Amino acid sequence: SDSGSKTTATTCGRVEDFGMGTSVFQLHEEKLGCAVYLKASLMNHSCAPNVVFRFCGNYLTAKAVKCLDAGMEACNCYGPQVGRMKRAERQALLLEKYFFHCKCSACEGTDSHLQLRELAMDALACPRCKGPLCENGNGNGTSICFQCHSTTSQKDMKKLIDTREKARKLFSDAFENTSTVTQIQALLHCHSLQLSCIHLCNMELARTHDALARLYATQGDYASAIKHCEPSCASVCTAFGEDSIEVIGIETQ
């Protein structure tokens, strides 16, 4: 979204009927148009916003996503957000589109938990402790674990990368089949490979859990669906933070 021109949207629901008494209700937003809200445009940006904009007809309101102390600045997000983009990407986009270097708490802070959140978004897993791996910067193809600080060799990194690519192909190929049972089998294989190569909070793993939960729900197997919803929610919580818009769920209220 733009800081001054807001895209008005409405939350819509759709029920998909899969027969045998099973259905899945899906929420999504539909864009209605754009409008300029002068007062809202005065609000500064933060990559970890403490308010979210909501529409009620033609009216724009700001809702806090966390407790704000007296005198604390209320900030919304101009688009680049923690959990969706890494710091370098956010900085580049904000500079290109809004012509400023972001100095919000998320960009300027040295919070190790925040660093872990950003790293885990797409991290491979350490073969020793399953912590998130990061490149060591020396150009030799090895990586260092953020958690145990051990080094993963170039050979082992290639194995992890190859396994991740196999999992990605399984995920994309799964939906080319129309059989729900076959799709579940392919995604379970994908999930097994992902557990062996990527970090537990990697968003690719969360997407696999989401897909499995939806497929199980279409079969009426809600117990299995819940088992995959729980780790998916945990990944979102790690990526965005416990007091984020995504976790609190204001966007779907």
Protein backbone atom coordinates (compact mmCIF):
# COMPACT_ATOMS: atom_id res chain seq x y z
CA SER A 1 0.00 0.00 0.00
CA ASP A 2 1.05 3.63 -0.48
CA SER A 3 1.51 5.98 2.47
CA GLY A 4 -0.91 8.56 1.07
CA SER A 5 -3.06 6.78 -1.50
CA LYS A 6 -4.83 3.81 0.04
CA THR A 7 -6.26 0.90 -1.88
CA THR A 8 -9.72 0.27 -0.48
CA ALA A 9 -10.57 -3.40 -0.09
CA THR A 10 -13.23 -5.64 1.32
CA THR A 11 -12.90 -9.07 2.91
CA CYS A 12 -14.90 -11.68 1.03
CA GLY A 13 -15.68 -15.29 1.82
CA ARG A 14 -16.16 -18.27 -0.43
CA VAL A 15 -17.34 -21.77 0.40
CA GLU A 16 -15.92 -24.58 -1.70
CA ASP A 17 -18.04 -27.73 -1.59
CA PHE A 18 -16.16 -30.98 -2.10
CA GLY A 19 -19.10 -33.33 -1.63
CA MET A 20 -19.61 -35.92 1.07
CA GLY A 21 -20.63 -33.14 3.46
CA THR A 22 -17.21 -31.46 3.42
CA SER A 23 -16.43 -27.86 2.50
CA VAL A 24 -13.71 -25.27 3.05
CA PHE A 25 -14.47 -21.61 3.75
CA GLN A 26 -11.82 -19.27 2.35
CA LEU A 27 -11.33 -15.57 3.10
CA HIS A 28 -9.72 -13.19 0.64
CA GLU A 29 -9.56 -9.46 -0.05
CA GLU A 30 -10.90 -7.85 -3.18
CA LYS A 31 -9.64 -4.43 -4.25
CA LEU A 32 -12.37 -1.85 -4.83
CA GLY A 33 -10.39 1.25 -5.78
CA CYS A 34 -8.01 3.93 -4.51
CA ALA A 35 -8.53 7.03 -2.38
CA VAL A 36 -6.35 9.72 -0.80
CA TYR A 37 -6.56 10.13 2.99
CA LEU A 38 -4.58 13.23 3.93
CA LYS A 39 -4.37 12.67 7.69
CA ALA A 40 -3.43 9.02 7.30
CA SER A 41 -0.66 10.03 4.90
CA LEU A 42 1.04 11.95 7.74
CA MET A 43 1.74 8.70 9.59
CA ASN A 44 5.35 7.52 9.42
CA HIS A 45 6.49 4.11 8.26
CA SER A 46 7.80 1.20 10.31
CA CYS A 47 8.83 -2.21 8.98
CA ALA A 48 7.30 -3.58 12.21
CA PRO A 49 4.11 -1.45 12.36
CA ASN A 50 2.11 -0.99 15.55
CA VAL A 51 -1.11 -0.05 13.73
CA VAL A 52 -3.04 -1.41 10.76
CA PHE A 53 -5.48 0.44 8.53
CA ARG A 54 -9.00 -0.92 8.16
CA PHE A 55 -11.85 0.27 5.97
CA CYS A 56 -15.47 0.70 7.00
CA GLY A 57 -17.24 1.80 3.86
CA ASN A 58 -15.45 4.97 2.76
CA TYR A 59 -13.95 5.55 6.21
CA LEU A 60 -10.36 4.65 7.04
CA THR A 61 -9.54 3.71 10.63
CA ALA A 62 -6.27 2.82 12.33
CA LYS A 63 -6.24 -0.06 14.82
CA ALA A 64 -3.38 -0.72 17.22
CA VAL A 65 -1.89 -4.22 17.08
CA LYS A 66 -0.14 -3.79 20.43
CA CYS A 67 -0.43 -1.66 23.56
CA LEU A 68 0.79 1.87 22.86
CA ASP A 69 2.11 3.92 25.79
CA ALA A 70 1.22 7.59 26.05
CA GLY A 71 3.33 9.62 23.66
CA MET A 72 4.42 6.60 21.60
CA GLU A 73 4.40 7.21 17.86
CA ALA A 74 1.86 5.24 15.85
CA CYS A 75 3.40 3.90 12.65
CA ASN A 76 1.93 1.96 9.77
CA CYS A 77 3.74 0.05 7.04
CA TYR A 78 4.21 1.46 3.54
CA GLY A 79 4.64 -2.07 2.14
CA PRO A 80 8.06 -3.48 3.06
CA GLN A 81 7.48 -5.44 6.27
CA VAL A 82 9.40 -7.70 8.62
CA GLY A 83 8.47 -11.29 7.87
CA ARG A 84 7.81 -10.58 4.19
CA MET A 85 11.13 -9.05 3.19
CA LYS A 86 14.63 -9.05 4.61
CA ARG A 87 16.25 -5.83 5.78
CA ALA A 88 18.30 -5.22 2.59
CA GLU A 89 15.20 -5.68 0.39
CA ARG A 90 13.11 -3.37 2.57
CA GLN A 91 15.78 -0.67 2.59
CA ALA A 92 16.21 -0.81 -1.19
CA LEU A 93 12.47 -0.63 -1.91
CA LEU A 94 11.82 2.22 0.51
CA LEU A 95 14.72 4.20 -0.91
CA GLU A 96 13.55 3.62 -4.48
CA LYS A 97 9.88 4.41 -3.89
CA TYR A 98 9.89 6.86 -0.94
CA PHE A 99 13.44 8.27 -1.06
CA PHE A 100 14.47 7.64 2.56
CA HIS A 101 16.70 5.30 4.51
CA CYS A 102 14.50 3.50 7.02
CA LYS A 103 15.67 3.79 10.63
CA CYS A 104 12.77 2.02 12.32
CA SER A 105 13.40 -0.30 15.25
CA ALA A 106 13.34 -3.33 12.96
CA CYS A 107 16.04 -1.91 10.67
CA GLU A 108 18.26 -0.27 13.29
CA GLY A 109 17.91 -2.77 16.14
CA THR A 110 20.40 -5.45 17.12
CA ASP A 111 17.76 -7.79 18.52
CA SER A 112 19.08 -11.34 18.02
CA HIS A 113 15.50 -12.66 18.00
CA LEU A 114 14.64 -10.37 15.09
CA GLN A 115 17.79 -11.48 13.27
CA LEU A 116 16.70 -15.08 13.75
CA ARG A 117 13.23 -14.29 12.39
CA GLU A 118 14.65 -12.76 9.22
CA LEU A 119 17.16 -15.55 8.72
CA ALA A 120 14.70 -18.39 9.32
CA MET A 121 12.30 -17.18 6.60
CA ASP A 122 14.20 -19.09 3.90
CA ALA A 123 17.03 -20.78 5.79
CA LEU A 124 18.46 -24.24 5.32
CA ALA A 125 18.88 -26.29 8.49
CA CYS A 126 22.18 -27.03 10.20
CA PRO A 127 22.92 -30.79 9.91
CA ARG A 128 24.09 -30.81 13.54
CA CYS A 129 21.51 -28.84 15.52
CA LYS A 130 18.83 -27.93 12.91
CA GLY A 131 19.47 -24.22 13.54
CA PRO A 132 19.32 -21.75 10.60
CA LEU A 133 22.34 -21.57 8.31
CA CYS A 134 23.77 -18.34 6.93
CA GLU A 135 26.52 -17.77 4.39
CA ASN A 136 29.88 -17.07 6.00
CA GLY A 137 30.78 -14.49 3.35
CA ASN A 138 34.11 -15.93 2.26
CA GLY A 139 32.82 -17.17 -1.08
CA ASN A 140 33.82 -20.81 -0.65
CA GLY A 141 30.27 -22.17 -0.50
CA THR A 142 30.26 -23.01 3.19
CA SER A 143 27.76 -21.77 5.78
CA ILE A 144 27.72 -21.05 9.51
CA CYS A 145 24.93 -22.00 11.89
CA PHE A 146 23.32 -19.05 13.66
CA GLN A 147 22.61 -21.31 16.64
CA CYS A 148 25.61 -23.62 17.28
CA HIS A 149 28.14 -21.64 15.17
CA SER A 150 29.41 -24.78 13.43
CA THR A 151 30.47 -24.70 9.77
CA THR A 152 28.69 -26.74 7.12
CA SER A 153 30.97 -27.83 4.28
CA GLN A 154 30.40 -27.06 0.61
CA LYS A 155 29.63 -30.75 0.00
CA ASP A 156 26.99 -30.87 2.73
CA MET A 157 25.52 -27.57 1.53
CA LYS A 158 25.09 -29.05 -1.94
CA LYS A 159 23.21 -32.02 -0.45
CA LEU A 160 20.88 -29.67 1.44
CA ILE A 161 20.26 -27.52 -1.64
CA ASP A 162 19.61 -30.56 -3.87
CA THR A 163 17.14 -31.97 -1.34
CA ARG A 164 15.35 -28.60 -1.12
CA GLU A 165 15.01 -28.52 -4.93
CA LYS A 166 13.52 -32.02 -4.94
CA ALA A 167 11.01 -30.90 -2.31
CA ARG A 168 10.11 -27.82 -4.34
CA LYS A 169 9.47 -29.93 -7.43
CA LEU A 170 7.28 -32.33 -5.44
CA PHE A 171 5.26 -29.38 -4.15
CA SER A 172 4.67 -27.87 -7.60
CA ASP A 173 3.99 -31.24 -9.26
CA ALA A 174 1.51 -32.27 -6.56
CA PHE A 175 -1.18 -29.93 -7.85
CA GLU A 176 -0.94 -31.20 -11.41
CA ASN A 177 -2.81 -34.29 -10.22
CA THR A 178 -6.56 -34.06 -9.63
CA SER A 179 -6.66 -36.84 -7.02
CA THR A 180 -6.71 -35.45 -3.47
CA VAL A 181 -5.19 -38.68 -2.12
CA THR A 182 -2.30 -38.47 -4.61
CA GLN A 183 -1.77 -34.80 -3.79
CA ILE A 184 -1.56 -35.59 -0.08
CA GLN A 185 0.94 -38.40 -0.70
CA ALA A 186 3.15 -36.10 -2.79
CA LEU A 187 3.00 -33.30 -0.20
CA LEU A 188 3.79 -35.71 2.65
CA HIS A 189 6.89 -36.81 0.71
CA CYS A 190 7.72 -33.14 0.14
CA HIS A 191 7.25 -32.46 3.86
CA SER A 192 9.58 -35.33 4.78
CA LEU A 193 12.32 -33.96 2.53
CA GLN A 194 11.84 -30.43 3.86
CA LEU A 195 12.28 -31.61 7.45
CA SER A 196 15.68 -32.99 6.48
CA CYS A 197 17.02 -29.84 4.84
CA ILE A 198 15.26 -26.58 5.80
CA HIS A 199 14.70 -24.76 9.08
CA LEU A 200 11.45 -25.46 10.91
CA CYS A 201 10.39 -21.81 10.52
CA ASN A 202 11.17 -21.67 6.81
CA MET A 203 8.06 -20.34 5.08
CA GLU A 204 8.26 -23.08 2.44
CA LEU A 205 7.54 -25.60 5.18
CA ALA A 206 4.65 -23.44 6.38
CA ARG A 207 3.16 -23.43 2.87
CA THR A 208 3.35 -27.22 2.74
CA HIS A 209 1.56 -27.46 6.08
CA ASP A 210 -1.10 -25.05 4.80
CA ALA A 211 -1.66 -27.11 1.66
CA LEU A 212 -1.88 -30.36 3.62
CA ALA A 213 -4.30 -28.83 6.14
CA ARG A 214 -6.58 -27.68 3.34
CA LEU A 215 -6.50 -31.05 1.57
CA TYR A 216 -7.23 -32.97 4.76
CA ALA A 217 -10.11 -30.58 5.48
CA THR A 218 -11.63 -31.27 2.06
CA GLN A 219 -11.70 -34.96 3.04
CA GLY A 220 -13.35 -34.22 6.35
CA ASP A 221 -10.22 -35.31 8.25
CA TYR A 222 -10.13 -32.26 10.53
CA ALA A 223 -7.86 -33.89 13.13
CA SER A 224 -5.09 -34.25 10.53
CA ALA A 225 -5.83 -30.75 9.23
CA ILE A 226 -5.33 -29.27 12.71
CA LYS A 227 -2.02 -31.12 13.11
CA HIS A 228 -0.71 -29.22 10.08
CA CYS A 229 -2.34 -25.90 11.00
CA GLU A 230 -0.48 -25.74 14.33
CA PRO A 231 3.11 -25.79 12.94
CA SER A 232 2.06 -23.42 10.18
CA CYS A 233 0.79 -20.91 12.77
CA ALA A 234 4.04 -21.33 14.74
CA SER A 235 6.05 -20.44 11.62
CA VAL A 236 3.96 -17.32 11.03
CA CYS A 237 4.43 -16.31 14.67
CA THR A 238 8.21 -16.68 14.36
CA ALA A 239 8.39 -14.83 11.05
CA PHE A 240 6.18 -11.86 11.94
CA GLY A 241 6.30 -11.72 15.77
CA GLU A 242 3.66 -12.51 18.39
CA ASP A 243 2.21 -8.98 18.35
CA SER A 244 2.14 -8.64 14.55
CA ILE A 245 -0.89 -8.00 12.37
CA GLU A 246 -0.71 -11.50 10.94
CA VAL A 247 -0.68 -13.30 14.29
CA ILE A 248 -3.30 -11.15 16.02
CA GLY A 249 -5.56 -11.65 13.02
CA ILE A 250 -6.92 -8.11 12.66
CA GLU A 251 -6.81 -8.40 8.87
CA THR A 252 -9.53 -11.05 8.88
CA GLN A 253 -11.80 -9.56 11.57
